Amino acid sequence: MKIMHVTPYFHPAYAYGGIVRFVSDLAFQQSREGHDVFVFTTDVLDESSRCPQHQREETIDNIRIFRSLNVSNFLAYNCQFYTPLKLRQVLTLIPEVDLVHIHGCRHLLGSVASRKAWTAGVPYLMSPNGSFPAIERFFRVKRLYDLLLFDWEVKHAAAVTAVSKPEIEQFKDQNVSEQKIHLIPNCLDVTALSENTDLDHIPTAPADKKRKKILFLGKITPRKEVPTLVRAIILLDSDDLKLTIAGNFIGGQKEVAAALSRSGRSRIQCQGFRDLKEKITLIREADLVVYAGRDEIFGLVAFESLLLGTPVIVADDSGCGQLIAGNGFGRAVPPGDDQALAQAISEELERDHSRELSKAQEWIKNHLDVPVVSDQFRILYRQIMESRP
């Protein structure tokens, strides 16, 4: 099968969050399975840098990657506005592939690729991965983009995949045809996470009994509710608690800074984006991971934490809460409620989580491992290709 993935960011641009990990893990797995995989992306890397010139067109593990130059790296990172140049070679390739898989919403790469695929008679599917509704920043711009480009893109897609049941409801609320909607979860690379970790070991007591370690890990945006977590730690008013906030800001700096200014910072540490090994170390050293962001449609960080043996608290308003609390894997609280979060942190630090962690690890290996999810996409791809006119 010849597959083209269209995504504004791809390996190694992990500063851009969960979609990067999902599409990168999926594409590399499909290549390992013998498919011809192409990736149409941009040159973004992080807030201050781009992928080097020599990486604009390269082959990694038999995947051909085309990184289009952005007009502005600042607009790409801070406004999620990607302005790809030199698209001719990629557009020429589209008629040669069997299927185009578009990741994320409201970006010019997807809009251009979907038009070209539709014109060439090549089916395409979309995986919004939590970005379908206009829930954060630039609401008027997003609505205008919908009217001009995105509504057409959704209308002509052969399929739209959801990572959780709440995301299915988001699609229905936006009048996506039920026949187009398919439920396929996000994936975790269990092998990569286990390379430096004994996944069969579940700690029953924290290594440092004097000071309990709380961790937030991930892309920091307003809806991640990091200020709520800071206020919850202040409410607990205990020198025995230490909070580490590890991630890169994409908006929300002022709110977090204001919350930190009231904390005294003695028990709170902020640090930037982490690579895989550092991330594993942070999660394994934590006594509790708090990932209680609003509108979290799946929550890869929460599942990574459970897989690595660290209990989690998430928000109860969306897919992450349903998947975690609904399966008995962890605690869910209302988003934005610092009192409820403080109480949950206090209670969860005193519990034995060994049974729920063991249950969660088994479920993750059986349902979210990359080969498992890749197989579900392979079946969907075949269905789409067989149903084309």
Protein backbone atom coordinates (compact mmCIF):
# COMPACT_ATOMS: atom_id res chain seq x y z
CA MET A 1 0.00 0.00 0.00
CA LYS A 2 1.23 3.51 -0.83
CA ILE A 3 0.29 5.90 2.00
CA MET A 4 0.87 9.64 2.27
CA HIS A 5 0.63 11.26 5.71
CA VAL A 6 -0.05 15.00 5.73
CA THR A 7 0.84 16.74 8.99
CA PRO A 8 2.18 20.20 9.88
CA TYR A 9 4.78 18.61 12.19
CA PHE A 10 6.63 15.31 12.18
CA HIS A 11 9.55 13.58 13.88
CA PRO A 12 11.63 15.08 15.51
CA ALA A 13 9.34 18.12 16.16
CA TYR A 14 8.01 16.69 19.45
CA ALA A 15 7.73 20.18 20.98
CA TYR A 16 4.43 20.42 19.09
CA GLY A 17 2.69 17.82 21.23
CA GLY A 18 0.81 14.56 20.95
CA ILE A 19 -0.12 14.57 17.26
CA VAL A 20 3.58 14.51 16.36
CA ARG A 21 4.13 11.36 18.41
CA PHE A 22 1.00 9.71 17.06
CA VAL A 23 1.63 10.29 13.36
CA SER A 24 5.38 9.57 13.68
CA ASP A 25 4.84 6.28 15.53
CA LEU A 26 2.14 5.23 13.07
CA ALA A 27 4.17 6.09 9.97
CA PHE A 28 7.31 4.28 11.17
CA GLN A 29 5.23 1.22 12.07
CA GLN A 30 3.58 1.16 8.65
CA SER A 31 7.00 1.35 7.03
CA ARG A 32 8.20 -1.58 9.14
CA GLU A 33 5.16 -3.52 7.93
CA GLY A 34 6.29 -3.08 4.31
CA HIS A 35 4.09 -0.22 3.12
CA ASP A 36 5.45 2.62 0.99
CA VAL A 37 5.09 5.65 3.25
CA PHE A 38 5.44 9.31 2.33
CA VAL A 39 5.16 12.26 4.71
CA PHE A 40 4.21 15.78 3.64
CA THR A 41 5.08 18.17 6.49
CA THR A 42 6.87 21.45 7.25
CA ASP A 43 10.28 22.37 8.58
CA VAL A 44 9.12 23.24 12.13
CA LEU A 45 11.16 21.89 15.04
CA ASP A 46 10.46 24.02 18.13
CA GLU A 47 9.81 27.60 19.19
CA SER A 48 13.16 28.98 18.11
CA SER A 49 14.42 26.65 15.39
CA ARG A 50 13.61 24.72 12.23
CA CYS A 51 14.82 21.43 10.84
CA PRO A 52 18.15 21.97 9.05
CA GLN A 53 18.25 22.59 5.31
CA HIS A 54 19.61 19.10 4.58
CA GLN A 55 16.57 17.54 6.27
CA ARG A 56 14.01 19.27 4.03
CA GLU A 57 13.85 16.15 1.88
CA GLU A 58 15.16 12.94 3.38
CA THR A 59 14.51 9.25 3.90
CA ILE A 60 14.31 7.82 7.43
CA ASP A 61 13.64 4.09 7.89
CA ASN A 62 12.39 3.91 4.27
CA ILE A 63 9.92 6.79 4.80
CA ARG A 64 10.27 9.61 2.26
CA ILE A 65 9.81 12.90 4.10
CA PHE A 66 9.17 16.23 2.40
CA ARG A 67 9.49 19.23 4.74
CA SER A 68 8.11 22.36 3.13
CA LEU A 69 9.72 25.64 4.18
CA ASN A 70 7.46 27.85 6.35
CA VAL A 71 7.38 31.56 5.67
CA SER A 72 7.49 32.22 9.44
CA ASN A 73 8.61 29.92 12.22
CA PHE A 74 7.14 32.39 14.74
CA LEU A 75 3.65 32.14 13.20
CA ALA A 76 3.94 28.36 13.01
CA TYR A 77 4.76 27.90 16.69
CA ASN A 78 2.82 30.72 18.34
CA CYS A 79 -0.24 30.92 16.08
CA GLN A 80 -0.34 27.41 14.60
CA PHE A 81 -0.33 29.09 11.18
CA TYR A 82 1.75 27.04 8.75
CA THR A 83 2.67 28.63 5.43
CA PRO A 84 4.29 25.88 3.32
CA LEU A 85 6.20 26.78 0.19
CA LYS A 86 7.34 24.71 -2.81
CA LEU A 87 4.45 22.22 -2.86
CA ARG A 88 4.76 21.14 -6.50
CA GLN A 89 6.76 17.96 -5.91
CA VAL A 90 4.42 16.75 -3.17
CA LEU A 91 1.29 17.53 -5.19
CA THR A 92 2.79 15.57 -8.09
CA LEU A 93 3.17 12.55 -5.82
CA ILE A 94 -0.45 12.48 -4.60
CA PRO A 95 -1.94 10.85 -7.74
CA GLU A 96 0.61 8.03 -7.32
CA VAL A 97 -0.44 7.00 -3.80
CA ASP A 98 -3.36 4.78 -2.77
CA LEU A 99 -4.55 6.96 0.09
CA VAL A 100 -3.85 10.27 1.85
CA HIS A 101 -4.08 10.49 5.66
CA ILE A 102 -4.46 14.08 6.98
CA HIS A 103 -3.62 14.76 10.64
CA GLY A 104 -4.87 17.76 12.61
CA CYS A 105 -7.26 20.47 11.41
CA ARG A 106 -7.25 23.86 9.74
CA HIS A 107 -3.82 23.91 8.16
CA LEU A 108 -2.94 24.74 4.57
CA LEU A 109 -1.14 21.44 4.02
CA GLY A 110 -4.35 19.51 4.64
CA SER A 111 -6.48 21.89 2.61
CA VAL A 112 -4.14 21.79 -0.39
CA ALA A 113 -3.57 18.02 -0.21
CA SER A 114 -7.29 17.24 0.13
CA ARG A 115 -8.17 19.28 -2.97
CA LYS A 116 -5.43 17.65 -4.99
CA ALA A 117 -6.41 14.15 -3.80
CA TRP A 118 -10.09 14.73 -4.55
CA THR A 119 -9.27 16.06 -8.03
CA ALA A 120 -7.00 13.06 -8.69
CA GLY A 121 -9.57 10.54 -7.43
CA VAL A 122 -7.39 9.51 -4.48
CA PRO A 123 -9.37 8.95 -1.24
CA TYR A 124 -8.31 10.76 1.90
CA LEU A 125 -9.20 10.42 5.56
CA MET A 126 -8.80 12.81 8.47
CA SER A 127 -7.59 12.30 12.05
CA PRO A 128 -8.31 15.55 13.96
CA ASN A 129 -6.96 14.16 17.26
CA GLY A 130 -8.75 16.68 19.45
CA SER A 131 -8.38 19.68 17.13
CA PHE A 132 -11.79 19.50 15.39
CA PRO A 133 -13.84 21.98 17.48
CA ALA A 134 -12.69 25.59 17.79
CA ILE A 135 -12.02 25.37 21.53
CA GLU A 136 -8.85 27.43 22.06
CA ARG A 137 -7.70 30.81 20.69
CA PHE A 138 -8.35 32.49 17.34
CA PHE A 139 -12.04 31.54 17.25
CA ARG A 140 -13.06 34.01 14.52
CA VAL A 141 -10.09 33.11 12.34
CA LYS A 142 -10.91 29.41 12.69
CA ARG A 143 -14.54 29.98 11.75
CA LEU A 144 -13.51 31.95 8.67
CA TYR A 145 -11.09 29.17 7.72
CA ASP A 146 -13.92 26.66 8.13
CA LEU A 147 -16.15 28.60 5.75
CA LEU A 148 -13.45 29.06 3.14
CA LEU A 149 -11.63 25.71 3.22
CA PHE A 150 -12.13 23.30 6.12
CA ASP A 151 -15.87 22.57 5.72
CA TRP A 152 -15.18 21.43 2.16
CA GLU A 153 -12.29 19.27 3.36
CA VAL A 154 -14.51 17.48 5.91
CA LYS A 155 -17.38 17.07 3.45
CA HIS A 156 -15.27 15.25 0.86
CA ALA A 157 -13.24 13.08 3.27
CA ALA A 158 -13.76 9.34 2.91
CA ALA A 159 -13.52 8.89 6.69
CA VAL A 160 -12.88 10.83 9.91
CA THR A 161 -11.30 8.98 12.83
CA ALA A 162 -12.00 9.67 16.50
CA VAL A 163 -9.73 8.66 19.38
CA SER A 164 -12.54 8.49 21.97
CA LYS A 165 -16.32 8.49 22.24
CA PRO A 166 -16.51 12.18 23.26
CA GLU A 167 -14.67 13.05 20.05
CA ILE A 168 -17.33 11.16 18.10
CA GLU A 169 -19.92 13.44 19.70
CA GLN A 170 -17.85 16.46 18.65
CA PHE A 171 -18.01 15.25 15.06
CA LYS A 172 -21.76 14.69 15.24
CA ASP A 173 -22.28 18.16 16.72
CA GLN A 174 -20.54 19.55 13.63
CA ASN A 175 -22.78 17.50 11.32
CA VAL A 176 -20.20 14.93 10.23
CA SER A 177 -21.99 11.94 8.73
CA GLU A 178 -22.04 8.95 11.10
CA GLN A 179 -21.06 6.68 8.21
CA LYS A 180 -17.73 8.51 7.98
CA ILE A 181 -16.84 8.25 11.67
CA HIS A 182 -14.53 5.47 12.89
CA LEU A 183 -13.22 4.99 16.44
CA ILE A 184 -9.48 4.24 16.54
CA PRO A 185 -7.48 5.21 19.66
CA ASN A 186 -4.15 6.94 19.85
CA CYS A 187 -1.12 4.68 19.99
CA LEU A 188 1.83 4.31 22.35
CA ASP A 189 5.19 2.88 21.38
CA VAL A 190 5.41 0.38 24.21
CA THR A 191 8.77 -0.90 22.95
CA ALA A 192 10.39 2.56 23.01
CA LEU A 193 9.01 3.33 26.46
CA SER A 194 10.20 0.01 27.84
CA GLU A 195 13.79 0.18 26.53
CA ASN A 196 15.03 1.85 29.72
CA THR A 197 12.23 0.72 32.01
CA ASP A 198 11.02 -2.46 33.66
CA LEU A 199 7.31 -2.25 32.86
CA ASP A 200 6.57 -5.28 35.03
CA HIS A 201 7.74 -3.40 38.12
CA ILE A 202 5.03 -1.35 39.84
CA PRO A 203 6.21 0.68 42.84
CA THR A 204 4.02 0.34 45.91
CA ALA A 205 5.69 3.17 47.84
CA PRO A 206 7.52 6.36 46.79
CA ALA A 207 11.30 6.29 46.84
CA ASP A 208 11.44 9.61 48.70
CA LYS A 209 9.03 9.32 51.64
CA LYS A 210 9.85 12.77 52.98
CA ARG A 211 8.83 14.77 49.91
CA LYS A 212 6.10 13.62 47.51
CA LYS A 213 6.71 14.56 43.88
CA ILE A 214 3.87 15.85 41.69
CA LEU A 215 4.43 16.15 37.94
CA PHE A 216 2.76 17.95 35.06
CA LEU A 217 4.26 16.96 31.72
CA GLY A 218 3.24 18.15 28.28
CA LYS A 219 2.59 21.05 25.96
CA ILE A 220 1.44 24.02 28.04
CA THR A 221 -1.56 25.89 26.64
CA PRO A 222 -4.42 27.67 28.46
CA ARG A 223 -6.68 24.63 28.39
CA LYS A 224 -4.09 22.46 30.19
CA GLU A 225 -5.11 24.21 33.43
CA VAL A 226 -1.57 24.44 34.81
CA PRO A 227 -2.48 27.52 36.94
CA THR A 228 -5.21 25.40 38.57
CA LEU A 229 -2.58 22.82 39.51
CA VAL A 230 -0.30 25.52 40.96
CA ARG A 231 -3.18 26.90 43.04
CA ALA A 232 -4.01 23.39 44.27
CA ILE A 233 -0.44 22.91 45.49
CA ILE A 234 -0.65 26.29 47.28
CA LEU A 235 -3.89 25.19 48.95
CA LEU A 236 -2.24 22.04 50.26
CA ASP A 237 0.41 24.26 51.90
CA SER A 238 2.83 21.44 52.62
CA ASP A 239 6.61 21.53 52.51
CA ASP A 240 6.45 17.79 51.84
CA LEU A 241 5.13 18.37 48.31
CA LYS A 242 7.20 19.26 45.26
CA LEU A 243 5.62 20.16 41.90
CA THR A 244 7.56 19.91 38.63
CA ILE A 245 6.06 21.53 35.52
CA ALA A 246 7.85 20.10 32.49
CA GLY A 247 6.87 21.25 29.03
CA ASN A 248 6.97 23.98 26.43
CA PHE A 249 4.62 26.97 26.35
CA ILE A 250 2.27 27.56 23.45
CA GLY A 251 0.26 30.38 25.02
CA GLY A 252 -0.77 30.76 28.65
CA GLN A 253 2.55 32.06 29.98
CA LYS A 254 1.00 35.04 31.79
CA GLU A 255 -1.56 32.92 33.64
CA VAL A 256 1.06 30.42 34.78
CA ALA A 257 3.45 33.21 35.81
CA ALA A 258 0.70 34.89 37.85
CA ALA A 259 -0.08 31.65 39.67
CA LEU A 260 3.62 31.01 40.33
CA SER A 261 4.11 34.52 41.73
CA ARG A 262 1.70 33.64 44.55
CA SER A 263 3.36 30.33 45.28
CA GLY A 264 6.77 31.51 46.40
CA ARG A 265 8.16 28.89 43.97
CA SER A 266 10.05 27.11 46.74
CA ARG A 267 8.18 23.89 46.07
CA ILE A 268 7.56 24.41 42.33
CA GLN A 269 10.04 23.89 39.51
CA CYS A 270 9.50 24.75 35.83
CA GLN A 271 11.61 23.25 33.10
CA GLY A 272 11.44 23.09 29.32
CA PHE A 273 10.64 20.39 26.81
CA ARG A 274 11.96 16.93 27.62
CA ASP A 275 13.29 14.21 25.30
CA LEU A 276 12.12 10.60 25.67
CA LYS A 277 14.72 9.47 28.22
CA GLU A 278 14.26 12.55 30.39
CA LYS A 279 10.49 12.18 30.18
CA ILE A 280 10.66 8.56 31.31
CA THR A 281 12.90 9.54 34.23
CA LEU A 282 10.55 12.33 35.32
CA ILE A 283 7.49 10.08 35.21
CA ARG A 284 9.19 7.22 37.04
CA GLU A 285 10.47 9.53 39.78
CA ALA A 286 7.05 11.13 40.32
CA ASP A 287 4.61 9.89 42.93
CA LEU A 288 1.67 11.31 40.97
CA VAL A 289 1.16 12.77 37.50
CA VAL A 290 -1.54 15.45 37.24
CA TYR A 291 -2.86 15.95 33.71
CA ALA A 292 -6.23 17.56 34.39
CA GLY A 293 -6.56 19.75 31.31
CA ARG A 294 -9.87 20.90 29.87
CA ASP A 295 -11.20 19.25 26.67
CA GLU A 296 -8.46 16.59 26.72
CA ILE A 297 -9.85 14.24 24.09
CA PHE A 298 -7.40 11.37 24.77
CA GLY A 299 -4.38 12.23 26.94
CA LEU A 300 -1.25 10.39 25.81
CA VAL A 301 0.74 11.62 28.83
CA ALA A 302 -1.74 10.00 31.21
CA PHE A 303 -1.42 6.63 29.49
CA GLU A 304 2.37 6.89 29.28
CA SER A 305 2.43 7.53 33.02
CA LEU A 306 0.25 4.52 33.78
CA LEU A 307 2.38 2.34 31.52
CA LEU A 308 5.48 3.48 33.41
CA GLY A 309 3.92 2.73 36.79
CA THR A 310 2.91 6.20 38.02
CA PRO A 311 -0.71 6.94 39.06
CA VAL A 312 -2.58 9.83 37.43
CA ILE A 313 -5.25 12.45 38.02
CA VAL A 314 -7.08 13.73 34.93
CA ALA A 315 -10.11 15.93 34.20
CA ASP A 316 -13.57 14.42 33.95
CA ASP A 317 -15.00 16.53 31.12
CA SER A 318 -13.83 14.69 28.02
CA GLY A 319 -12.25 11.59 26.50
CA CYS A 320 -9.28 11.37 28.83
CA GLY A 321 -11.46 11.27 31.94
CA GLN A 322 -13.81 8.75 30.39
CA LEU A 323 -10.99 6.44 29.36
CA ILE A 324 -9.00 6.72 32.60
CA ALA A 325 -11.71 6.86 35.29
CA GLY A 326 -14.22 4.87 33.26
CA ASN A 327 -11.83 1.92 33.06
CA GLY A 328 -10.80 2.24 36.71
CA PHE A 329 -7.24 3.35 35.87
CA GLY A 330 -7.12 6.60 37.85
CA ARG A 331 -8.87 9.61 39.40
CA ALA A 332 -10.85 12.27 37.49
CA VAL A 333 -11.79 15.75 38.77
CA PRO A 334 -13.68 18.73 37.33
CA PRO A 335 -11.32 20.91 35.24
CA GLY A 336 -10.46 24.30 36.69
CA ASP A 337 -11.48 23.38 40.26
CA ASP A 338 -8.41 23.92 42.43
CA GLN A 339 -10.22 22.83 45.63
CA ALA A 340 -11.28 19.49 44.12
CA LEU A 341 -7.83 18.96 42.62
CA ALA A 342 -6.09 19.69 45.93
CA GLN A 343 -8.30 17.17 47.72
CA ALA A 344 -7.72 14.56 45.01
CA ILE A 345 -3.93 15.01 45.18
CA SER A 346 -3.96 14.63 48.95
CA GLU A 347 -6.05 11.47 48.80
CA GLU A 348 -4.28 9.85 45.86
CA LEU A 349 -0.87 10.25 47.48
CA GLU A 350 -2.04 8.05 50.36
CA ARG A 351 -3.50 5.22 48.28
CA ASP A 352 -1.96 1.99 47.06
CA HIS A 353 -2.33 2.04 43.26
CA SER A 354 -0.68 -1.27 42.43
CA ARG A 355 -3.87 -3.07 41.34
CA GLU A 356 -5.16 -0.32 39.03
CA LEU A 357 -1.68 0.23 37.56
CA SER A 358 -1.35 -3.44 36.73
CA LYS A 359 -4.80 -3.42 35.12
CA ALA A 360 -3.98 -0.27 33.14
CA GLN A 361 -0.66 -1.62 31.86
CA GLU A 362 -2.28 -4.77 30.54
CA TRP A 363 -5.04 -2.78 28.82
CA ILE A 364 -2.55 -0.36 27.23
CA LYS A 365 -0.42 -3.16 25.82
CA ASN A 366 -3.49 -4.87 24.35
CA HIS A 367 -5.26 -1.78 22.98
CA LEU A 368 -2.82 1.08 22.42
CA ASP A 369 0.46 -0.47 21.32
CA VAL A 370 1.54 0.83 17.90
CA PRO A 371 1.16 -2.47 15.99
CA VAL A 372 -2.38 -2.90 17.38
CA VAL A 373 -3.49 0.58 16.29
CA SER A 374 -1.66 0.31 12.97
CA ASP A 375 -3.62 -2.85 12.20
CA GLN A 376 -6.89 -0.99 12.78
CA PHE A 377 -5.84 1.71 10.35
CA ARG A 378 -4.79 -0.91 7.80
CA ILE A 379 -8.29 -2.39 7.91
CA LEU A 380 -9.88 1.06 7.54
CA TYR A 381 -7.56 1.96 4.66
CA ARG A 382 -8.60 -1.21 2.84
CA GLN A 383 -12.28 -0.45 3.40
CA ILE A 384 -11.84 3.05 1.98
CA MET A 385 -9.91 1.86 -1.03
CA GLU A 386 -12.37 -0.93 -1.81
CA SER A 387 -15.35 1.44 -1.61
CA ARG A 388 -13.92 4.08 -3.95
CA PRO A 389 -15.87 4.51 -7.22
